[in-house]
N, C-alpha and C. Protein backbone atom coordinates (compact mmCIF):
# COMPACT_ATOMS: atom_id res chain seq x y z
N MET A 1 -6.68 -36.22 -45.19
CA MET A 1 -5.63 -35.35 -46.03
C MET A 1 -5.50 -33.92 -45.29
N PHE A 2 -6.51 -33.80 -44.89
CA PHE A 2 -6.51 -32.11 -43.61
C PHE A 2 -5.92 -32.54 -42.62
N PHE A 3 -5.81 -33.72 -41.83
CA PHE A 3 -5.49 -34.10 -40.61
C PHE A 3 -3.78 -34.44 -40.86
N SER A 4 -3.60 -34.69 -42.21
CA SER A 4 -1.97 -35.17 -42.07
C SER A 4 -1.42 -33.95 -42.45
N SER A 5 -1.71 -33.10 -43.30
CA SER A 5 -1.13 -31.74 -43.24
C SER A 5 -1.05 -31.18 -41.88
N ILE A 6 -1.77 -31.07 -40.79
CA ILE A 6 -1.65 -30.32 -39.71
C ILE A 6 -0.74 -31.07 -38.75
N PHE A 7 -0.36 -32.55 -39.12
CA PHE A 7 0.57 -33.66 -38.37
C PHE A 7 1.94 -33.10 -38.96
N ILE A 8 1.90 -32.77 -40.37
CA ILE A 8 3.35 -32.29 -40.98
C ILE A 8 3.78 -31.38 -40.49
N ASP A 9 2.75 -30.00 -40.22
CA ASP A 9 3.06 -28.91 -39.27
C ASP A 9 3.38 -28.93 -38.18
N PHE A 10 2.93 -29.82 -37.06
CA PHE A 10 3.30 -30.02 -35.82
C PHE A 10 4.88 -30.45 -35.98
N LYS A 11 4.84 -31.23 -36.90
CA LYS A 11 6.20 -32.18 -37.08
C LYS A 11 7.34 -31.11 -37.44
N PHE A 12 6.83 -30.26 -38.15
CA PHE A 12 7.66 -29.00 -38.43
C PHE A 12 8.30 -28.18 -37.20
N ILE A 13 6.92 -27.88 -36.90
CA ILE A 13 7.49 -26.90 -35.33
C ILE A 13 8.05 -27.54 -34.54
N PHE A 14 8.14 -28.65 -33.99
CA PHE A 14 8.57 -29.51 -33.17
C PHE A 14 9.97 -29.57 -33.52
N LYS A 15 10.70 -29.77 -34.90
CA LYS A 15 11.71 -30.18 -35.25
C LYS A 15 12.43 -28.74 -35.12
N SER A 16 12.03 -27.48 -35.48
CA SER A 16 12.28 -26.35 -35.60
C SER A 16 12.86 -25.95 -33.97
N LYS A 17 11.75 -26.45 -33.05
CA LYS A 17 12.09 -26.20 -31.47
C LYS A 17 13.27 -26.97 -30.79
N LYS A 18 13.43 -28.36 -31.48
CA LYS A 18 14.44 -29.04 -30.96
C LYS A 18 15.88 -28.51 -31.72
N LYS A 19 15.88 -27.76 -32.82
CA LYS A 19 17.35 -27.60 -33.31
C LYS A 19 17.41 -26.36 -32.29
N GLN A 20 16.26 -25.25 -32.04
CA GLN A 20 16.79 -24.40 -31.23
C GLN A 20 17.22 -24.83 -29.61
N LEU A 21 16.53 -25.82 -28.95
CA LEU A 21 17.27 -26.38 -27.93
C LEU A 21 18.33 -27.18 -27.92
N ASN A 22 18.86 -27.31 -29.45
CA ASN A 22 20.20 -28.24 -29.36
C ASN A 22 21.02 -27.15 -28.84
N SER A 23 20.54 -25.79 -30.00
CA SER A 23 21.86 -24.88 -30.11
C SER A 23 22.00 -24.09 -28.59
N MET A 24 20.94 -24.43 -27.40
CA MET A 24 21.40 -23.79 -26.50
C MET A 24 22.44 -24.91 -25.34
N SER A 25 23.21 -23.98 -24.91
CA SER A 25 24.03 -25.17 -24.00
C SER A 25 22.83 -25.43 -22.88
N VAL A 26 23.63 -27.07 -22.19
CA VAL A 26 22.83 -27.61 -21.37
C VAL A 26 22.79 -27.03 -19.98
N GLN A 27 23.63 -25.87 -19.67
CA GLN A 27 23.69 -25.04 -18.43
C GLN A 27 22.87 -23.70 -18.81
N PHE A 28 22.38 -23.38 -19.47
CA PHE A 28 21.19 -22.42 -20.03
C PHE A 28 20.13 -23.26 -19.97
N GLN A 29 19.90 -24.42 -20.60
CA GLN A 29 18.75 -25.20 -20.02
C GLN A 29 18.16 -25.42 -18.97
N ARG A 30 19.17 -25.80 -17.87
CA ARG A 30 18.74 -25.77 -16.27
C ARG A 30 18.33 -25.01 -15.84
N LEU A 31 19.44 -23.62 -16.01
CA LEU A 31 18.74 -22.37 -15.57
C LEU A 31 17.41 -21.79 -16.32
N LEU A 32 17.44 -22.30 -17.26
CA LEU A 32 16.13 -21.85 -17.97
C LEU A 32 14.70 -22.77 -17.18
N LEU A 33 15.02 -23.60 -16.42
CA LEU A 33 14.04 -24.58 -16.25
C LEU A 33 14.09 -24.39 -15.08
N ILE A 34 15.05 -24.33 -14.45
CA ILE A 34 15.21 -23.78 -12.81
C ILE A 34 14.47 -22.23 -12.57
N LEU A 35 14.41 -21.23 -13.55
CA LEU A 35 13.98 -20.21 -13.58
C LEU A 35 12.40 -20.32 -13.85
N ILE A 36 11.68 -20.91 -14.61
CA ILE A 36 10.35 -21.30 -15.04
C ILE A 36 10.04 -22.12 -13.85
N SER A 37 10.57 -22.97 -13.17
CA SER A 37 10.20 -23.39 -11.97
C SER A 37 9.97 -22.49 -10.62
N LEU A 38 10.69 -21.65 -10.66
CA LEU A 38 10.34 -20.46 -9.33
C LEU A 38 9.26 -19.59 -9.74
N ILE A 39 9.25 -19.34 -11.16
CA ILE A 39 8.40 -18.42 -11.57
C ILE A 39 6.83 -18.99 -11.10
N PHE A 40 6.75 -20.18 -11.34
CA PHE A 40 5.46 -21.30 -11.35
C PHE A 40 5.12 -21.75 -9.76
N LEU A 41 6.33 -21.87 -8.87
CA LEU A 41 6.12 -21.98 -7.51
C LEU A 41 5.80 -20.81 -6.74
N THR A 42 6.54 -19.69 -7.23
CA THR A 42 5.83 -18.32 -6.73
C THR A 42 4.73 -18.11 -6.64
N ALA A 43 4.25 -18.38 -8.36
CA ALA A 43 2.82 -17.84 -8.50
C ALA A 43 1.81 -18.60 -7.60
N ALA A 44 2.31 -20.28 -7.34
CA ALA A 44 1.07 -20.86 -6.62
C ALA A 44 0.73 -20.61 -5.24
N ILE A 45 2.38 -20.16 -4.64
CA ILE A 45 2.41 -19.70 -2.94
C ILE A 45 1.64 -18.64 -3.05
N LEU A 46 1.49 -17.39 -3.97
CA LEU A 46 1.00 -16.01 -3.91
C LEU A 46 -1.08 -16.27 -3.84
N LEU A 47 -1.20 -17.58 -4.96
CA LEU A 47 -2.48 -17.50 -4.93
C LEU A 47 -2.91 -18.21 -3.93
N ILE A 48 -2.17 -19.17 -3.00
CA ILE A 48 -2.55 -20.08 -2.11
C ILE A 48 -3.00 -18.88 -1.00
N LEU A 49 -1.68 -18.38 -0.99
CA LEU A 49 -1.68 -17.01 0.25
C LEU A 49 -2.80 -16.06 0.38
N PHE A 50 -3.28 -15.68 -1.08
CA PHE A 50 -4.50 -14.46 -1.23
C PHE A 50 -5.80 -15.15 -1.11
N ASN A 51 -5.61 -16.35 -1.68
CA ASN A 51 -6.93 -17.11 -1.05
C ASN A 51 -7.15 -17.70 0.17
N SER A 52 -6.46 -18.33 0.94
CA SER A 52 -6.10 -18.27 2.38
C SER A 52 -6.74 -17.13 3.13
N LYS A 53 -6.34 -16.35 2.85
CA LYS A 53 -6.35 -14.79 3.27
C LYS A 53 -7.79 -14.53 3.73
N LYS A 54 -8.58 -15.14 2.59
CA LYS A 54 -10.26 -14.57 2.62
C LYS A 54 -11.02 -15.37 3.36
N ASN A 55 -10.45 -17.13 3.49
CA ASN A 55 -11.38 -18.07 3.89
C ASN A 55 -10.86 -18.34 5.48
N LEU A 56 -9.81 -17.70 5.75
CA LEU A 56 -9.26 -17.58 7.41
C LEU A 56 -10.70 -17.43 8.41
N ILE A 57 -10.55 -18.36 9.05
CA ILE A 57 -11.95 -18.18 10.36
C ILE A 57 -11.09 -18.22 11.56
N PHE A 58 -11.55 -16.72 12.26
CA PHE A 58 -11.21 -16.80 13.58
C PHE A 58 -12.16 -16.15 14.19
N PHE A 59 -12.34 -15.78 15.57
CA PHE A 59 -13.29 -14.79 16.43
C PHE A 59 -12.77 -14.60 17.08
N TYR A 60 -13.26 -13.13 17.72
CA TYR A 60 -12.79 -12.45 18.82
C TYR A 60 -13.78 -12.69 20.10
N THR A 61 -12.85 -12.49 21.17
CA THR A 61 -13.57 -13.00 22.28
C THR A 61 -14.48 -11.27 22.72
N PRO A 62 -15.45 -11.17 23.52
CA PRO A 62 -16.18 -9.73 23.78
C PRO A 62 -15.16 -8.70 24.33
N SER A 63 -13.69 -9.39 24.97
CA SER A 63 -12.90 -8.12 25.50
C SER A 63 -12.10 -7.56 24.58
N GLU A 64 -11.70 -8.72 23.43
CA GLU A 64 -11.12 -8.48 22.42
C GLU A 64 -11.73 -7.31 21.43
N LEU A 65 -13.24 -7.41 21.00
CA LEU A 65 -13.88 -6.72 20.65
C LEU A 65 -14.03 -5.49 20.60
N LEU A 66 -14.32 -5.05 22.28
CA LEU A 66 -14.55 -3.74 22.74
C LEU A 66 -13.13 -2.77 22.72
N ASN A 67 -11.83 -3.80 22.63
CA ASN A 67 -10.63 -3.14 22.42
C ASN A 67 -10.20 -3.39 20.84
N SER A 68 -10.84 -3.47 19.93
CA SER A 68 -10.56 -3.73 18.56
C SER A 68 -10.54 -2.10 17.45
N ASN A 69 -10.59 -2.15 16.54
CA ASN A 69 -10.75 -1.16 15.79
C ASN A 69 -11.97 -1.13 14.78
N LEU A 70 -12.80 -2.43 14.99
CA LEU A 70 -13.58 -2.32 14.02
C LEU A 70 -14.39 -1.08 14.24
N LYS A 71 -15.16 -1.15 12.46
CA LYS A 71 -16.22 -0.31 12.38
C LYS A 71 -17.80 -0.66 12.77
N ILE A 72 -18.87 0.28 13.05
CA ILE A 72 -19.96 -0.34 12.98
C ILE A 72 -20.21 -0.58 11.40
N ASP A 73 -21.20 -1.71 11.74
CA ASP A 73 -21.96 -2.40 10.25
C ASP A 73 -20.50 -3.56 9.60
N ASP A 74 -19.42 -3.68 10.39
CA ASP A 74 -18.85 -4.60 10.12
C ASP A 74 -18.96 -6.22 10.17
N LYS A 75 -18.60 -7.54 9.31
CA LYS A 75 -19.02 -8.55 10.35
C LYS A 75 -17.60 -8.95 10.84
N VAL A 76 -18.53 -9.73 11.91
CA VAL A 76 -17.81 -10.21 13.10
C VAL A 76 -18.39 -11.55 13.55
N ARG A 77 -17.25 -12.08 14.13
CA ARG A 77 -17.38 -13.26 14.63
C ARG A 77 -16.85 -13.54 16.26
N ILE A 78 -17.81 -13.77 17.09
CA ILE A 78 -17.52 -13.51 18.72
C ILE A 78 -17.60 -14.87 19.08
N GLY A 79 -16.66 -15.49 20.25
CA GLY A 79 -17.06 -16.82 20.82
C GLY A 79 -16.83 -15.99 22.36
N GLY A 80 -17.87 -17.04 22.95
CA GLY A 80 -17.81 -16.77 24.19
C GLY A 80 -18.53 -17.59 25.03
N PHE A 81 -18.97 -17.56 26.12
CA PHE A 81 -20.16 -18.13 26.82
C PHE A 81 -21.22 -17.53 27.38
N VAL A 82 -22.50 -18.15 26.75
CA VAL A 82 -24.04 -17.66 26.72
C VAL A 82 -24.33 -17.00 28.75
N LYS A 83 -24.36 -15.79 28.53
CA LYS A 83 -24.77 -15.60 30.11
C LYS A 83 -25.64 -16.19 30.77
N LYS A 84 -25.70 -16.67 32.09
CA LYS A 84 -26.87 -17.42 32.62
C LYS A 84 -28.11 -16.21 32.73
N GLY A 85 -29.35 -16.74 32.65
CA GLY A 85 -30.44 -15.71 33.07
C GLY A 85 -30.40 -14.88 31.94
N SER A 86 -29.93 -14.53 30.72
CA SER A 86 -29.75 -13.60 29.62
C SER A 86 -30.77 -14.13 28.50
N ILE A 87 -31.43 -15.84 28.15
CA ILE A 87 -31.75 -15.92 27.06
C ILE A 87 -33.29 -15.25 27.25
N ASN A 88 -33.77 -14.57 26.14
CA ASN A 88 -34.93 -14.06 26.27
C ASN A 88 -35.65 -14.50 24.68
N LYS A 89 -36.98 -15.11 24.85
CA LYS A 89 -37.40 -15.18 23.44
C LYS A 89 -38.55 -14.00 23.31
N LYS A 90 -38.09 -13.39 22.09
CA LYS A 90 -39.17 -12.52 22.07
C LYS A 90 -40.49 -13.30 21.21
N ASN A 91 -39.94 -13.66 19.96
CA ASN A 91 -41.20 -14.47 19.33
C ASN A 91 -40.85 -15.72 19.14
N ASN A 92 -41.73 -16.42 17.78
CA ASN A 92 -41.07 -17.55 17.88
C ASN A 92 -39.64 -17.77 17.20
N ASP A 93 -39.17 -17.04 16.89
CA ASP A 93 -37.88 -17.24 16.07
C ASP A 93 -36.94 -16.00 16.47
N GLU A 94 -37.26 -15.45 17.77
CA GLU A 94 -36.61 -14.09 17.81
C GLU A 94 -36.00 -14.20 19.29
N TYR A 95 -34.87 -14.18 19.22
CA TYR A 95 -33.88 -13.97 20.42
C TYR A 95 -32.85 -13.16 21.02
N ASN A 96 -32.88 -13.00 22.15
CA ASN A 96 -31.89 -11.49 22.81
C ASN A 96 -31.29 -12.76 23.58
N PHE A 97 -29.70 -12.54 23.95
CA PHE A 97 -29.24 -13.45 24.70
C PHE A 97 -27.76 -12.26 24.65
N LYS A 98 -26.93 -12.65 25.83
CA LYS A 98 -25.65 -11.99 26.18
C LYS A 98 -24.78 -12.84 25.98
N ILE A 99 -23.46 -12.77 25.28
CA ILE A 99 -22.31 -13.50 25.25
C ILE A 99 -21.27 -12.89 25.99
N THR A 100 -20.17 -13.75 27.16
CA THR A 100 -19.59 -13.32 27.80
C THR A 100 -18.37 -13.79 27.92
N ASP A 101 -17.10 -13.51 28.28
CA ASP A 101 -15.88 -13.88 28.53
C ASP A 101 -15.18 -13.85 29.88
N ASN A 102 -16.14 -13.67 30.95
CA ASN A 102 -16.11 -13.11 32.38
C ASN A 102 -15.96 -11.78 32.68
N LYS A 103 -15.43 -10.99 31.40
CA LYS A 103 -14.84 -9.98 32.03
C LYS A 103 -15.92 -8.70 31.08
N VAL A 104 -16.27 -9.06 30.09
CA VAL A 104 -17.01 -8.03 29.13
C VAL A 104 -18.18 -8.80 28.84
N VAL A 105 -19.43 -8.09 28.79
CA VAL A 105 -20.86 -8.81 28.24
C VAL A 105 -21.19 -7.78 26.70
N LEU A 106 -21.45 -8.93 25.76
CA LEU A 106 -21.70 -7.96 24.65
C LEU A 106 -23.32 -8.73 24.78
N LYS A 107 -24.33 -7.87 23.94
CA LYS A 107 -25.79 -8.06 23.72
C LYS A 107 -25.82 -8.89 22.47
N ILE A 108 -26.81 -9.84 22.16
CA ILE A 108 -26.55 -10.15 20.78
C ILE A 108 -28.24 -10.42 20.41
N ILE A 109 -28.73 -9.78 19.27
CA ILE A 109 -30.03 -10.00 18.79
C ILE A 109 -29.86 -11.16 17.41
N TYR A 110 -30.88 -12.09 17.76
CA TYR A 110 -30.70 -13.15 16.93
C TYR A 110 -32.24 -13.67 16.36
N LYS A 111 -32.58 -13.45 14.68
CA LYS A 111 -33.46 -14.33 14.40
C LYS A 111 -33.74 -15.74 13.53
N GLY A 112 -33.76 -16.55 14.12
CA GLY A 112 -33.48 -17.79 13.45
C GLY A 112 -34.09 -18.92 14.55
N LEU A 113 -33.54 -20.05 14.14
CA LEU A 113 -33.71 -21.26 15.16
C LEU A 113 -32.35 -21.39 15.88
N LEU A 114 -32.63 -21.59 17.42
CA LEU A 114 -30.87 -22.04 18.08
C LEU A 114 -30.54 -23.38 17.98
N PRO A 115 -29.56 -23.54 17.92
CA PRO A 115 -29.08 -25.07 18.01
C PRO A 115 -29.17 -25.64 18.88
N ASP A 116 -29.51 -27.11 19.06
CA ASP A 116 -30.03 -27.77 20.25
C ASP A 116 -29.10 -27.80 21.21
N LEU A 117 -27.67 -27.56 21.06
CA LEU A 117 -26.52 -27.78 22.21
C LEU A 117 -26.41 -26.09 22.80
N PHE A 118 -27.24 -25.31 21.90
CA PHE A 118 -27.19 -23.70 22.57
C PHE A 118 -27.86 -23.81 24.44
N ARG A 119 -27.08 -23.52 25.28
CA ARG A 119 -27.71 -23.35 26.41
C ARG A 119 -26.95 -22.13 27.44
N GLU A 120 -27.48 -21.81 28.37
CA GLU A 120 -26.61 -20.83 29.51
C GLU A 120 -25.54 -21.44 29.65
N GLU A 121 -24.39 -20.69 30.06
CA GLU A 121 -23.17 -21.05 30.39
C GLU A 121 -22.49 -22.17 29.79
N GLN A 122 -23.09 -22.23 28.34
CA GLN A 122 -22.26 -23.32 27.68
C GLN A 122 -21.69 -22.19 26.65
N GLY A 123 -20.28 -22.57 25.54
CA GLY A 123 -19.84 -21.74 24.52
C GLY A 123 -20.63 -21.95 23.59
N ALA A 124 -20.52 -20.70 22.68
CA ALA A 124 -21.22 -20.45 21.60
C ALA A 124 -20.39 -19.70 20.69
N VAL A 125 -20.24 -19.60 19.08
CA VAL A 125 -19.70 -18.67 18.65
C VAL A 125 -20.85 -17.94 17.66
N ILE A 126 -20.83 -16.75 17.56
CA ILE A 126 -22.00 -15.81 16.97
C ILE A 126 -21.30 -15.18 15.63
N GLU A 127 -22.21 -15.39 14.76
CA GLU A 127 -21.44 -14.46 13.53
C GLU A 127 -22.78 -13.54 12.87
N GLY A 128 -22.08 -12.31 12.81
CA GLY A 128 -23.23 -11.35 12.53
C GLY A 128 -22.66 -9.74 12.32
N LYS A 129 -23.55 -8.88 12.32
CA LYS A 129 -23.02 -7.34 11.71
C LYS A 129 -22.78 -6.71 13.30
N LEU A 130 -21.75 -6.05 13.58
CA LEU A 130 -22.08 -5.19 14.65
C LEU A 130 -22.82 -3.91 14.46
N ILE A 131 -23.51 -3.65 15.05
CA ILE A 131 -24.59 -2.74 15.46
C ILE A 131 -23.97 -1.56 16.22
N LYS A 132 -23.74 -1.96 17.35
CA LYS A 132 -22.87 -0.74 18.15
C LYS A 132 -21.60 -1.68 19.01
N LYS A 133 -20.70 -0.96 19.73
CA LYS A 133 -19.68 -1.62 19.89
C LYS A 133 -20.06 -2.71 21.34
N ASN A 134 -21.28 -2.79 21.41
CA ASN A 134 -21.49 -4.05 22.68
C ASN A 134 -22.79 -4.53 22.06
N LEU A 135 -23.24 -4.14 20.73
CA LEU A 135 -24.50 -4.80 20.50
C LEU A 135 -24.26 -5.56 18.80
N ILE A 136 -24.65 -6.85 18.36
CA ILE A 136 -24.47 -7.13 17.16
C ILE A 136 -25.98 -8.05 17.12
N ARG A 137 -26.06 -7.86 16.05
CA ARG A 137 -27.32 -8.50 15.05
C ARG A 137 -26.67 -9.83 14.48
N ALA A 138 -26.90 -10.87 14.89
CA ALA A 138 -26.30 -12.21 14.56
C ALA A 138 -27.04 -12.87 13.32
N THR A 139 -26.36 -13.00 12.40
CA THR A 139 -26.87 -14.13 11.45
C THR A 139 -26.61 -15.57 11.55
N SER A 140 -25.84 -15.97 12.09
CA SER A 140 -25.71 -17.53 12.71
C SER A 140 -24.86 -17.33 14.01
N VAL A 141 -25.64 -18.97 14.78
CA VAL A 141 -25.38 -19.07 15.99
C VAL A 141 -24.50 -20.37 16.02
N PHE A 142 -23.43 -20.61 16.64
CA PHE A 142 -22.94 -22.15 16.76
C PHE A 142 -22.70 -22.37 18.11
N ALA A 143 -23.28 -23.54 18.40
CA ALA A 143 -22.90 -23.91 20.06
C ALA A 143 -21.42 -24.76 19.50
N LYS A 144 -20.85 -24.83 20.60
CA LYS A 144 -19.96 -25.39 21.05
C LYS A 144 -19.81 -26.13 21.95
N HIS A 145 -19.29 -27.61 21.93
CA HIS A 145 -19.26 -28.76 22.88
C HIS A 145 -17.93 -29.14 23.30
N ASP A 146 -17.98 -29.63 24.54
CA ASP A 146 -16.62 -30.37 24.80
C ASP A 146 -16.44 -31.93 24.19
N GLU A 147 -15.35 -32.21 24.73
CA GLU A 147 -15.13 -33.56 23.80
C GLU A 147 -15.70 -34.66 24.06
N ASN A 148 -16.78 -34.38 25.35
CA ASN A 148 -17.29 -35.90 25.91
C ASN A 148 -18.99 -35.36 25.24
N TYR A 149 -19.02 -35.03 24.50
CA TYR A 149 -20.47 -34.57 23.94
C TYR A 149 -20.92 -35.96 23.31
N ILE A 150 -22.07 -36.52 23.75
CA ILE A 150 -22.52 -37.49 23.25
C ILE A 150 -24.02 -37.49 22.57
N PRO A 151 -24.52 -37.85 21.36
CA PRO A 151 -25.46 -37.30 21.14
C PRO A 151 -26.85 -38.11 21.70
N VAL A 152 -28.17 -37.23 22.05
CA VAL A 152 -29.18 -37.75 22.96
C VAL A 152 -29.63 -38.89 22.37
N SER A 153 -29.77 -39.64 21.42
CA SER A 153 -30.31 -40.75 20.84
C SER A 153 -29.14 -41.92 21.22
N LEU A 154 -27.80 -41.53 21.03
CA LEU A 154 -26.79 -42.67 21.82
C LEU A 154 -26.82 -42.80 23.23
N LYS A 155 -27.14 -41.58 23.72
CA LYS A 155 -27.20 -41.60 24.98
C LYS A 155 -28.28 -42.46 26.02
N LYS A 156 -29.20 -42.49 24.89
CA LYS A 156 -31.04 -43.26 25.43
C LYS A 156 -30.23 -44.59 25.23
N GLN A 157 -30.11 -44.84 24.15
CA GLN A 157 -29.95 -46.14 23.35
C GLN A 157 -28.65 -46.93 24.59
N LEU A 158 -27.45 -46.14 25.38
CA LEU A 158 -26.42 -46.79 26.26
C LEU A 158 -27.30 -47.19 27.64
N LYS A 159 -28.26 -45.97 28.04
CA LYS A 159 -28.81 -46.06 28.85
C LYS A 159 -30.07 -47.07 28.94
N ASN A 160 -30.52 -47.69 28.09
CA ASN A 160 -31.49 -48.78 27.66
C ASN A 160 -30.68 -50.19 28.33
N SER A 161 -29.55 -50.46 27.41
CA SER A 161 -28.84 -51.45 27.44
C SER A 161 -27.97 -51.46 28.56
N ASP A 162 -28.07 -50.55 29.68
CA ASP A 162 -27.46 -50.89 31.22
C ASP A 162 -25.97 -50.68 30.84
N TYR A 163 -25.55 -49.80 29.86
CA TYR A 163 -24.05 -49.72 29.65
C TYR A 163 -23.94 -48.25 30.26
N TRP A 164 -24.59 -47.38 30.62
CA TRP A 164 -24.69 -46.10 30.78
C TRP A 164 -24.06 -45.85 31.99
N GLN A 165 -23.31 -45.16 32.52
CA GLN A 165 -22.72 -44.83 33.77
C GLN A 165 -22.64 -43.22 34.35
N LYS A 166 -23.53 -43.27 35.68
CA LYS A 166 -23.88 -42.06 35.97
C LYS A 166 -22.14 -40.94 35.83
N GLU A 167 -21.31 -41.44 36.30
CA GLU A 167 -20.28 -40.82 36.11
C GLU A 167 -19.61 -39.93 34.83
N TYR A 168 -20.81 -40.67 33.57
CA TYR A 168 -19.93 -39.93 32.73
C TYR A 168 -20.93 -38.54 32.37
N GLU A 169 -21.66 -37.94 33.22
CA GLU A 169 -22.97 -37.16 33.03
C GLU A 169 -21.74 -36.11 34.22
């Protein structure tokens, strides 16, 4: 009984809306549909743009960082090469090293485990806080590798099967 009365009310609402729609001209209905579609499309585009602005990931080179107007204690992401002879292990998981782009050298302080591919003269991306203009306290260290990277386990397997060629190295 209760559901049937609700159904009848919905029927009444739809009939009254249908009468209103029939009283509007076809051109006005199309215009209304286009306007509503444009409003939704604009809202979707704005939502995408505002959200992607927060999630956009890029990094500065050491030279760009020194020339930028970033403030102390700003979060930064730096990309460059680990300078040869600069890795200094202080404790079990505390490291000091330098990142360079062959123009400018930045000092990095990092507490944590370094990635396996992290080596001198290899590419790295550092995330952290800017302590001074040339000093960063890193929270994350990412090692970059070239497109010829092969995992150690696969390399051993290829060498054991005599498939590995020295020219790969």
